Protein backbone atom coordinates (compact mmCIF):
# COMPACT_ATOMS: atom_id res chain seq x y z
CA MET A 1 0.00 0.00 0.00
CA GLY A 2 2.78 2.41 0.94
CA SER A 3 4.56 1.62 -2.33
CA ASP A 4 1.40 2.25 -4.34
CA ALA A 5 0.77 5.51 -2.50
CA ALA A 6 4.30 6.66 -3.23
CA ALA A 7 3.89 5.71 -6.86
CA THR A 8 0.59 7.53 -7.02
CA SER A 9 2.12 10.58 -5.34
CA ALA A 10 5.06 10.55 -7.72
CA ALA A 11 2.70 10.19 -10.63
CA ASN A 12 0.66 13.14 -9.40
CA GLY A 13 3.84 15.15 -8.88
CA ASP A 14 5.01 14.44 -12.41
CA SER A 15 1.60 15.37 -13.67
CA SER A 16 1.72 18.67 -11.74
CA ALA A 17 5.20 19.46 -13.09
CA ALA A 18 4.11 18.66 -16.59
CA GLY A 19 1.02 20.79 -16.06
CA ALA A 20 3.17 23.66 -14.82
CA ALA A 21 5.65 23.33 -17.69
CA GLY A 22 2.88 23.14 -20.28
CA PRO A 23 1.73 26.78 -19.96
CA LEU A 24 5.38 27.92 -19.96
CA ARG A 25 6.02 26.12 -23.23
CA VAL A 26 2.81 27.55 -24.69
CA ALA A 27 3.76 31.04 -23.50
CA SER A 28 7.26 30.61 -24.90
CA ARG A 29 5.88 29.56 -28.28
CA SER A 30 3.41 32.45 -28.17
CA ASN A 31 6.15 34.99 -27.36
CA GLY A 32 8.35 33.54 -30.09
CA ALA A 33 5.53 33.77 -32.62
CA THR A 34 4.85 37.36 -31.58
CA ALA A 35 8.52 38.25 -31.94
CA ILE A 36 8.67 36.63 -35.38
CA ALA A 37 5.46 38.39 -36.43
CA GLY A 38 6.86 41.68 -35.17
CA LEU A 39 10.12 41.07 -37.01
CA ARG A 40 8.24 40.28 -40.21
CA ALA A 41 6.06 43.38 -39.78
CA GLY A 42 9.17 45.48 -39.19
CA THR A 43 10.84 44.00 -42.26
CA ALA A 44 7.73 44.62 -44.35
CA LEU A 45 7.52 48.21 -43.09
CA SER A 46 11.22 48.68 -43.82
CA ARG A 47 10.67 47.39 -47.36
CA VAL A 48 7.78 49.78 -47.89
CA ALA A 49 9.77 52.72 -46.47
CA SER A 50 12.76 51.96 -48.69
CA SER A 51 10.66 51.60 -51.83
CA PRO A 52 10.91 54.53 -54.28
CA LEU A 53 7.32 53.77 -55.31
CA SER A 54 6.15 54.30 -51.72
CA LEU A 55 8.05 57.57 -51.56
CA TRP A 56 6.51 58.82 -54.80
CA ILE A 57 3.01 57.83 -53.64
CA ALA A 58 3.64 59.69 -50.38
CA PHE A 59 5.02 62.65 -52.35
CA LEU A 60 1.82 62.93 -54.39
CA ALA A 61 -0.35 62.43 -51.30
CA VAL A 62 1.45 65.17 -49.36
CA HIS A 63 1.15 67.63 -52.23
CA LEU A 64 -2.50 66.73 -52.72
CA VAL A 65 -3.16 67.43 -49.03
CA ILE A 66 -1.30 70.72 -48.74
CA GLY A 67 -2.50 71.82 -52.18
CA SER A 68 -6.11 71.12 -51.19
CA LEU A 69 -5.64 72.97 -47.90
CA ALA A 70 -4.14 75.90 -49.79
CA LEU A 71 -7.12 75.98 -52.15
CA ALA A 72 -9.66 75.81 -49.32
CA GLU A 73 -10.93 79.38 -48.98
CA GLY A 74 -7.65 80.55 -50.53
CA LYS A 75 -5.71 79.74 -47.35
CA GLY A 76 -2.02 80.28 -48.08
CA LEU A 77 -2.57 81.40 -51.69
CA GLY A 78 -3.53 85.02 -51.13
CA ASP A 79 -0.31 86.38 -52.61
CA VAL A 80 -0.60 84.09 -55.62
CA MET A 81 -4.13 85.27 -56.42
CA TRP A 82 -3.99 88.94 -55.52
CA VAL A 83 -0.33 89.88 -56.00
CA TYR A 84 1.53 87.51 -58.34
CA LYS A 85 -1.28 87.20 -60.86
CA PRO A 86 -1.69 90.99 -61.39
CA TRP A 87 2.09 91.33 -61.74
CA ALA A 88 2.11 88.59 -64.36
CA GLN A 89 -0.83 90.06 -66.29
CA LEU A 90 0.66 93.56 -66.36
CA ALA A 91 3.99 92.17 -67.55
CA ALA A 92 2.29 90.06 -70.24
CA GLN A 93 0.45 93.16 -71.47
CA GLY A 94 3.67 95.18 -71.46
CA THR A 95 2.00 97.74 -69.20
CA GLU A 96 4.36 97.33 -66.25
CA ILE A 97 7.22 94.88 -65.96
CA VAL A 98 8.32 94.85 -62.34
CA GLY A 99 12.08 94.96 -62.01
CA VAL A 100 12.38 96.53 -65.47
CA ASN A 101 10.24 99.66 -65.66
CA ALA A 102 9.01 99.64 -62.06
CA ASP A 103 10.55 99.02 -58.64
CA TRP A 104 10.03 95.56 -57.16
CA VAL A 105 10.51 93.88 -53.79
CA TYR A 106 12.03 90.77 -55.41
CA PRO A 107 15.16 90.21 -57.52
CA PHE A 108 14.55 90.28 -61.27
CA ALA A 109 14.62 86.51 -61.97
CA ALA A 110 11.49 86.08 -59.83
CA ILE A 111 9.48 87.37 -62.81
CA VAL A 112 9.96 83.98 -64.52
CA PRO A 113 8.08 81.82 -61.96
CA VAL A 114 5.54 84.63 -61.52
CA MET A 115 4.69 84.55 -65.24
CA LEU A 116 4.93 80.82 -65.95
CA PRO A 117 1.47 79.95 -64.50
CA LEU A 118 -0.08 82.23 -67.15
CA LEU A 119 0.65 79.42 -69.61
CA PHE A 120 -2.36 77.68 -68.04
CA GLY A 121 -4.52 80.75 -68.71
CA ALA A 122 -5.35 83.71 -66.47
CA ASP A 123 -8.44 81.95 -65.10
CA ASN A 124 -6.33 78.93 -64.11
CA TYR A 125 -3.41 80.93 -62.68
CA VAL A 126 -3.67 79.42 -59.18
CA GLY A 127 -3.88 75.88 -60.55
CA GLY A 128 -0.95 76.67 -62.81
CA TRP A 129 1.04 77.92 -59.83
CA LEU A 130 0.41 74.74 -57.82
CA THR A 131 1.29 72.62 -60.85
CA MET A 132 4.55 74.51 -61.32
CA VAL A 133 5.51 74.05 -57.66
CA LEU A 134 4.57 70.36 -57.83
CA LEU A 135 6.81 69.83 -60.87
CA LEU A 136 9.72 71.73 -59.31
CA ASN A 137 9.43 69.76 -56.07
CA ALA A 138 9.15 66.52 -58.08
CA ALA A 139 12.40 67.34 -59.90
CA ALA A 140 14.13 68.10 -56.58
CA PHE A 141 12.67 64.92 -55.06
CA ALA A 142 13.98 62.86 -57.96
CA VAL A 143 17.46 64.31 -57.43
CA LEU A 144 17.14 63.52 -53.72
CA ILE A 145 16.11 59.85 -53.77
CA VAL A 146 17.96 58.63 -56.87
CA GLY A 147 20.19 55.58 -56.38
CA ARG A 148 18.14 54.24 -53.43
CA GLU A 149 20.88 55.17 -50.99
CA PRO A 150 19.41 54.57 -47.49
CA ARG A 151 20.25 58.00 -46.13
CA ARG A 152 18.70 59.68 -49.15
CA LEU A 153 15.51 57.65 -48.76
CA VAL A 154 15.25 58.55 -45.07
CA THR A 155 15.88 62.18 -45.98
CA GLY A 156 13.10 61.94 -48.57
CA TRP A 157 10.68 60.93 -45.83
CA TRP A 158 11.96 63.81 -43.68
CA TRP A 159 11.30 66.34 -46.44
CA LEU A 160 7.75 65.05 -46.96
CA ALA A 161 7.11 65.30 -43.22
CA PHE A 162 8.51 68.83 -43.25
CA LEU A 163 6.20 69.93 -46.09
CA LEU A 164 3.17 68.36 -44.43
CA LEU A 165 3.92 69.93 -41.05
CA LEU A 166 4.53 73.34 -42.62
CA GLY A 167 1.25 73.15 -44.51
CA PRO A 168 -0.22 75.31 -47.30
CA ILE A 169 2.41 78.04 -47.08
CA ALA A 170 4.96 75.46 -48.30
CA VAL A 171 3.48 75.75 -51.81
CA GLY A 172 1.97 79.23 -51.77
CA ARG A 173 4.87 81.66 -52.20
CA LEU A 174 7.91 82.37 -54.37
CA ASP A 175 9.97 80.80 -51.59
CA SER A 176 8.59 77.42 -52.73
CA VAL A 177 10.41 77.89 -56.04
CA SER A 178 13.70 79.02 -54.52
CA ALA A 179 13.54 76.21 -51.92
CA ALA A 180 13.19 73.51 -54.59
CA LEU A 181 16.09 74.98 -56.57
CA ALA A 182 18.21 75.19 -53.40
CA VAL A 183 17.60 71.50 -52.67
CA VAL A 184 18.83 70.62 -56.16
CA GLY A 185 21.82 72.93 -55.73
CA VAL A 186 23.06 71.44 -52.45
CA LEU A 187 22.62 67.88 -53.77
CA TRP A 188 24.67 68.63 -56.88
CA LEU A 189 27.30 70.68 -55.11
CA THR A 190 29.97 68.02 -54.57
CA LEU A 191 29.22 66.09 -57.77
CA HIS A 192 28.55 68.72 -60.43
CA GLU A 193 29.73 71.92 -58.84
CA ARG A 194 29.31 74.30 -61.78
CA ALA A 195 25.71 73.25 -62.39
CA ALA A 196 25.02 73.48 -58.65
CA VAL A 197 26.39 77.01 -58.37
CA VAL A 198 24.40 78.14 -61.40
CA VAL A 199 21.19 76.75 -59.86
CA LEU A 200 21.90 78.32 -56.47
CA THR A 201 22.70 81.67 -58.11
CA VAL A 202 19.46 81.59 -60.10
CA ALA A 203 17.62 80.78 -56.87
CA THR A 204 19.31 83.79 -55.24
CA TRP A 205 17.99 86.03 -58.03
CA ILE A 206 14.49 84.78 -57.22
CA LYS A 207 14.76 85.18 -53.43
CA VAL A 208 17.99 86.42 -51.86
CA TRP A 209 18.35 83.81 -49.10
CA PRO A 210 20.16 81.04 -51.13
CA ALA A 211 23.16 83.38 -51.14
CA ALA A 212 23.73 82.09 -47.60
CA ILE A 213 24.31 78.58 -48.98
CA LEU A 214 26.72 79.97 -51.56
CA VAL A 215 28.66 81.74 -48.81
CA ALA A 216 28.79 78.49 -46.82
CA ALA A 217 30.10 76.65 -49.91
CA VAL A 218 32.79 79.30 -50.44
CA VAL A 219 33.97 78.81 -46.85
CA ALA A 220 33.70 75.01 -46.72
CA LEU A 221 34.97 73.89 -50.15
CA LYS A 222 38.48 74.16 -51.55
CA SER A 223 37.17 75.24 -54.96
CA ARG A 224 35.91 78.50 -53.45
CA TRP A 225 37.29 80.77 -56.19
CA HIS A 226 35.67 78.65 -58.86
CA ILE A 227 32.38 78.99 -56.97
CA VAL A 228 32.76 82.78 -56.74
CA THR A 229 33.60 83.06 -60.44
CA THR A 230 30.68 80.89 -61.56
CA ALA A 231 28.23 82.78 -59.34
CA ALA A 232 29.52 86.14 -60.59
CA VAL A 233 29.24 85.17 -64.27
CA THR A 234 25.75 83.74 -63.77
CA SER A 235 24.65 86.90 -61.94
CA ALA A 236 26.07 89.10 -64.71
CA ILE A 237 24.08 87.18 -67.33
CA ILE A 238 20.86 87.46 -65.31
CA VAL A 239 21.30 91.19 -64.65
CA ALA A 240 22.15 91.86 -68.29
CA VAL A 241 18.63 90.87 -69.40
CA PRO A 242 16.70 93.68 -67.63
CA LEU A 243 19.50 96.16 -68.29
CA ILE A 244 19.21 95.52 -72.03
CA PHE A 245 15.55 96.55 -71.75
CA GLY A 246 16.44 99.74 -69.93
CA ALA A 247 15.81 98.68 -66.33
CA GLY A 248 18.51 100.93 -64.91
CA LEU A 249 18.42 101.07 -61.11
CA HIS A 250 15.06 99.25 -61.05
CA VAL A 251 17.09 96.04 -61.18
CA LEU A 252 18.41 96.77 -57.65
CA SER A 253 15.15 98.13 -56.25
CA PHE A 254 14.58 94.94 -54.23
CA ILE A 255 17.36 96.15 -51.91
CA THR A 256 16.03 99.66 -51.31
CA MET A 257 12.35 98.62 -51.05
CA GLN A 258 13.12 96.23 -48.19
CA THR A 259 15.12 98.72 -46.13
CA GLY A 260 12.28 101.17 -45.59
CA ARG A 261 9.61 98.76 -44.43
CA GLY A 262 8.34 98.37 -40.86
CA ILE A 263 8.44 95.35 -38.55
CA GLN A 264 6.15 92.50 -39.62
CA ILE A 265 4.20 90.88 -36.80
CA GLU A 266 5.72 87.41 -37.26
CA ALA A 267 9.34 88.59 -37.08
CA PRO A 268 11.31 87.65 -33.95
CA VAL A 269 12.09 91.32 -33.30
CA ALA A 270 8.34 92.04 -33.24
CA THR A 271 7.71 89.71 -30.28
CA PHE A 272 8.30 92.37 -27.60
CA TRP A 273 5.74 94.77 -29.11
CA MET A 274 3.30 91.97 -29.91
CA TRP A 275 3.12 91.21 -26.17
CA GLN A 276 2.58 94.90 -25.51
CA ALA A 277 -0.22 94.99 -28.09
CA ALA A 278 -1.75 91.83 -26.59
CA PHE A 279 -1.96 93.55 -23.19
CA HIS A 280 -3.11 96.86 -24.72
CA VAL A 281 -0.04 98.89 -23.80
CA PRO A 282 -0.63 102.40 -25.21
CA GLY A 283 1.16 102.96 -28.53
CA ALA A 284 1.66 99.28 -29.38
CA VAL A 285 -0.64 98.53 -32.33
CA VAL A 286 -0.94 95.98 -35.13
CA TYR A 287 -1.73 97.67 -38.46
CA TYR A 288 -1.95 96.81 -42.17
CA ASP A 289 0.59 98.29 -44.58
CA ARG A 290 -1.32 98.79 -47.84
CA ASP A 291 1.83 99.41 -49.87
CA LEU A 292 3.61 96.20 -48.88
CA LEU A 293 0.40 94.22 -48.16
CA THR A 294 1.61 93.00 -44.76
CA PHE A 295 0.55 93.28 -41.13
CA GLN A 296 3.09 95.17 -39.08
CA VAL A 297 3.44 96.26 -35.48
CA THR A 298 4.34 99.69 -34.23
CA GLY A 299 5.23 101.03 -30.81
CA GLU A 300 7.84 102.97 -28.95
CA GLY A 301 11.25 101.92 -30.27
CA THR A 302 10.12 99.89 -33.30
CA VAL A 303 11.77 102.23 -35.80
CA ALA A 304 15.13 102.01 -34.02
CA ALA A 305 14.81 98.23 -33.63
CA GLY A 306 13.96 97.81 -37.30
CA SER A 307 16.99 99.84 -38.36
CA LEU A 308 19.26 97.58 -36.27
CA MET A 309 18.18 94.33 -37.91
CA ASN A 310 20.39 94.48 -41.01
CA PRO A 311 23.53 95.42 -39.03
CA LEU A 312 22.78 92.65 -36.51
CA PHE A 313 22.34 90.11 -39.28
CA GLY A 314 25.55 91.29 -40.94
CA LEU A 315 27.48 91.01 -37.69
CA THR A 316 26.04 87.56 -36.95
CA ALA A 317 26.82 86.36 -40.47
CA ILE A 318 30.43 87.52 -40.14
CA VAL A 319 30.82 85.79 -36.75
CA VAL A 320 29.28 82.56 -38.06
CA ALA A 321 31.47 82.65 -41.18
CA LEU A 322 34.57 83.15 -39.02
CA VAL A 323 33.59 80.15 -36.89
CA GLY A 324 33.23 78.18 -40.12
CA ILE A 325 36.68 79.32 -41.30
CA ARG A 326 38.10 78.24 -37.92
CA SER A 327 36.64 74.77 -38.47
CA VAL A 328 38.16 74.60 -41.95
CA ARG A 329 41.60 75.50 -40.60
CA ARG A 330 41.30 72.83 -37.93
CA GLY A 331 40.82 70.22 -40.65
CA THR A 332 37.14 69.51 -40.09
CA PRO A 333 35.71 67.78 -43.21
CA TYR A 334 33.26 69.83 -45.24
CA THR A 335 30.58 67.22 -44.54
CA ARG A 336 30.69 68.66 -41.01
CA ILE A 337 30.94 72.29 -42.09
CA LEU A 338 28.73 72.85 -45.12
CA PRO A 339 25.42 71.71 -43.57
CA GLU A 340 25.95 73.44 -40.21
CA LEU A 341 27.27 76.65 -41.77
CA SER A 342 24.45 76.76 -44.33
CA LEU A 343 21.83 76.19 -41.64
CA ALA A 344 23.42 78.79 -39.35
CA LEU A 345 23.54 81.49 -42.01
CA VAL A 346 20.03 80.79 -43.29
CA THR A 347 18.62 80.74 -39.76
CA ALA A 348 20.39 84.01 -38.94
CA PHE A 349 18.83 85.48 -42.08
CA ILE A 350 15.41 84.71 -40.58
CA ALA A 351 16.15 85.42 -36.93
CA PHE A 352 17.41 88.95 -37.61
CA ASN A 353 14.91 89.77 -40.33
CA LYS A 354 12.23 92.39 -39.68
CA VAL A 355 9.89 90.64 -42.10
CA GLY A 356 9.77 87.08 -40.76
CA SER A 357 7.01 85.76 -43.03
CA PRO A 358 5.88 82.14 -42.40
CA GLN A 359 7.12 80.94 -45.81
CA TYR A 360 10.69 81.66 -44.68
CA ILE A 361 10.65 78.28 -42.92
CA THR A 362 10.97 76.63 -46.34
CA TRP A 363 14.53 78.00 -46.44
CA LEU A 364 15.60 75.59 -43.71
CA ALA A 365 14.89 72.45 -45.75
CA ALA A 366 17.94 72.46 -48.05
CA PRO A 367 20.60 72.71 -45.28
CA VAL A 368 18.89 69.96 -43.27
CA ILE A 369 18.58 67.72 -46.33
CA ILE A 370 22.29 67.88 -47.12
CA GLY A 371 23.10 67.47 -43.41
CA LEU A 372 21.04 64.27 -43.18
CA ILE A 373 22.61 62.88 -46.36
CA TYR A 374 26.17 63.62 -45.25
CA GLN A 375 25.87 62.83 -41.55
CA GLY A 376 22.80 60.63 -41.10
CA ARG A 377 21.88 60.44 -37.42
CA GLY A 378 24.55 63.00 -36.62
CA PHE A 379 22.18 65.66 -37.95
CA ARG A 380 19.01 64.39 -36.26
CA ILE A 381 18.85 67.15 -33.61
CA PRO A 382 18.58 70.09 -36.03
CA SER A 383 16.27 68.06 -38.27
CA ILE A 384 13.86 67.58 -35.35
CA LEU A 385 14.14 71.22 -34.30
CA VAL A 386 13.23 72.32 -37.83
CA LEU A 387 10.20 70.00 -37.88
CA ILE A 388 8.99 71.52 -34.60
CA THR A 389 9.47 75.01 -36.03
CA ALA A 390 7.48 74.06 -39.14
CA THR A 391 4.63 72.67 -37.01
CA LEU A 392 4.42 75.81 -34.88
CA THR A 393 4.41 77.90 -38.04
CA GLN A 394 1.39 76.06 -39.43
CA VAL A 395 -0.41 76.61 -36.13
CA ILE A 396 0.20 80.31 -36.61
CA TYR A 397 -0.47 80.55 -40.35
CA PRO A 398 -2.86 80.30 -42.05
CA TYR A 399 -5.55 78.91 -39.75
CA LEU A 400 -5.16 80.91 -36.53
CA TYR A 401 -3.50 83.97 -38.01
CA ASP A 402 -6.47 86.18 -37.09
CA GLY A 403 -5.53 85.57 -33.46
CA LEU A 404 -2.30 87.48 -34.07
CA LEU A 405 -4.11 90.44 -35.59
CA VAL A 406 -6.13 91.12 -32.44
CA PRO A 407 -3.64 89.98 -30.91
CA LEU A 408 -4.59 87.19 -28.48
CA PRO A 409 -2.05 86.36 -25.74
CA ILE A 410 -2.26 82.62 -26.47
CA MET A 411 -1.31 83.18 -30.11
CA VAL A 412 1.48 85.56 -29.15
CA ALA A 413 2.75 82.81 -26.83
CA VAL A 414 2.81 80.31 -29.73
CA LEU A 415 4.57 82.91 -31.88
CA THR A 416 7.12 83.51 -29.12
CA VAL A 417 7.98 79.81 -28.87
CA ARG A 418 8.27 79.55 -32.65
CA ASN A 419 10.59 82.56 -32.78
CA LEU A 420 12.72 81.19 -29.96
CA MET A 421 13.21 78.04 -32.03
CA TYR A 422 15.23 80.06 -34.54
CA PHE A 423 17.73 80.94 -31.84
CA VAL A 424 17.83 77.36 -30.56
CA ILE A 425 18.69 76.15 -34.06
CA LEU A 426 21.24 78.94 -34.48
CA ALA A 427 22.86 78.10 -31.13
CA TRP A 428 23.08 74.40 -32.02
CA THR A 429 24.69 75.06 -35.38
CA ILE A 430 27.23 77.54 -34.02
CA GLY A 431 28.05 75.13 -31.20
CA ALA A 432 28.49 72.27 -33.65
CA LEU A 433 30.83 74.38 -35.77
CA TRP A 434 32.82 75.59 -32.76
CA ARG A 435 33.51 72.44 -30.82
CA LYS A 436 36.55 70.35 -31.64
CA ARG A 437 35.69 67.40 -33.88
CA HIS A 438 37.44 64.10 -33.29
CA ALA A 439 38.71 62.37 -36.43
CA ASP A 440 36.45 59.37 -35.93
CA GLU A 441 33.31 61.50 -35.54
CA ALA A 442 33.13 62.28 -39.26
CA ALA A 443 34.59 58.95 -40.37
CA ASP A 444 31.17 57.55 -41.28
CA ASP A 445 29.95 60.64 -43.09
CA LEU A 446 28.99 59.73 -46.64
CA LEU A 447 29.47 61.61 -49.87
CA PRO A 448 26.57 60.99 -52.28
CA ALA A 449 27.33 58.99 -55.42
CA HIS A 450 24.47 60.03 -57.68
CA ALA A 451 23.21 63.36 -59.00
CA TRP A 452 20.22 62.84 -61.28
CA PRO A 453 19.92 63.55 -64.19
CA PHE A 454 23.71 63.39 -64.59
CA ARG A 455 25.19 59.99 -65.31
CA ALA A 456 27.01 58.10 -62.60
CA ALA A 457 29.34 55.16 -62.93
CA PRO A 458 27.45 51.81 -62.98
CA ASP A 459 29.06 50.75 -59.68
CA ALA A 460 28.83 54.18 -58.02
CA HIS A 461 28.20 54.04 -54.30
CA PRO A 462 28.37 56.48 -51.36
CA VAL A 463 31.95 57.03 -50.24
CA PRO A 464 32.80 57.33 -46.51
CA VAL A 465 34.83 60.42 -45.65
CA ARG A 466 37.58 58.22 -44.16
CA GLU A 467 38.25 56.79 -47.65
CA ILE A 468 38.69 60.22 -49.28
CA GLY A 469 42.26 61.12 -50.19
C-alpha cells in the first residue's frame, strides 16, 4: 500500500510538473511567434519605407493634401491670387514689368516663376502655380532619392514630413520655387559643382536667401574661387537681361524697397511689441501696410529696432562665417561644415529679419537635407528642431492667423515659442561648428554617389569620408 501511494504521489507530482511546464512552453511559443510576427512586420515596413514607389506615392499624397488645404478658402494662396497674378498680367500686357520699368521687392529673376502659371490661362493661374511648384518639387525629389541610398531615402521621408507639417504656405509663395532649386543645388554641389552654383545663383535672383548657402560653400569647399567666379558670371548674365531693356536702377530696387519697411508681426524682433499689443499697452498697435500688403506692429522703439536688424544680421553672419573658417583651418571635413554653416547662415537670415514671413521656414529644408545625407543620425537634432518650427508655423499661419491680428495672448505665446526656435537652431549650429571634432566623428559621413539627371558610374556608391584622399 505504501509503495502504491508513493507511486501515485510521484505520478501526481510528475503530472503537476508537466502541467506547470505546459503553460510555460505555450507562453514561450506564443512569445516567439509574436517576436517573429513583429520582425516580419518590421521587415515589411522597412521594405515599404525603402521603396521609391512608396516615396513617390507619399510625395503625391502630401502635395494633394497641402495643395487642397491651400485651395480651401484661398488659405495660403492670397499672394498668388492677388499679388503675383496681377504682376504677371501687367507684364504680359507690357504695361508694367516689375524689375524693369518699375521698382520691385524681389530680384529680377522672380518674374519667370511669376509669369509661368499664365501658360495655363489667367483663369487657371492658381492651378498653374500649384502645378509649377509640384513639378519643381518633383524634380528636386527625384534628385534627392535617386540611387536608393538609405540616407537619401530617409531624408526623402523627412522632407515630406517637413512639407506636411509646414502646410499650405509650403506651396503658396515664391519661396517654394527658390527652396526647390536650393535642394537641387546642395545635392549637386559636390558632384557637379558648376551646375550646382548656377542653380543656387538663379535661386538667389528669385529670393535672396540662397546666397547664404553659396557663402557656406565658399567657406567650406576648396574650390571657393571657382564657386565665386561661376556665381559672378551667372549673376552678370541674369542682370544683363533687364539692363538691355532699360531697367537701370530698377534692377536693384529689391534692396532699397526692403530697407524702408516696418516690422512685420511674425518677425522675432516684433515679439516684444506683440506682447505689448496683446496687453493693450498704449502705442503698441498691429496695423496693415497697404503698400507692402503685410501686417506690421508699431510702438515705442520699433523704428530704431527695425533699423538695427540688417547690421545685426551682418554682424552675426560675419561671426558665423569666421567660426566656419576656424573649423576649416582645424581640418574639419566639409561634410561637417557645409550643412551646419548653411543652416546657421540661413537661420540668422530669418532670426534677424524684420519681415519674418511664415514661408521663410521653407529656407531651412535644403541645409537639413544635405546634413542628413552627409551625416545621417549626426544631424538628427537640427532636423527635429526644424520639424517643430514648421509645425508651430502652421499653427500660426494660415488657420489661426487672425488671433495674431487682435492679438490674443495665447497666439502671441505660440509665436514667441516659434521665434525662440530660430535661436535654438542657431545656437546648435554655431556650437556644432565651434567644438573640436574628433577624427572618428566624421569617419562615417557619406558623400553621395548620384546626382540625377547626370550619369554616374554603374558601380557608383556612397563614399565614406575616411576613404577620401
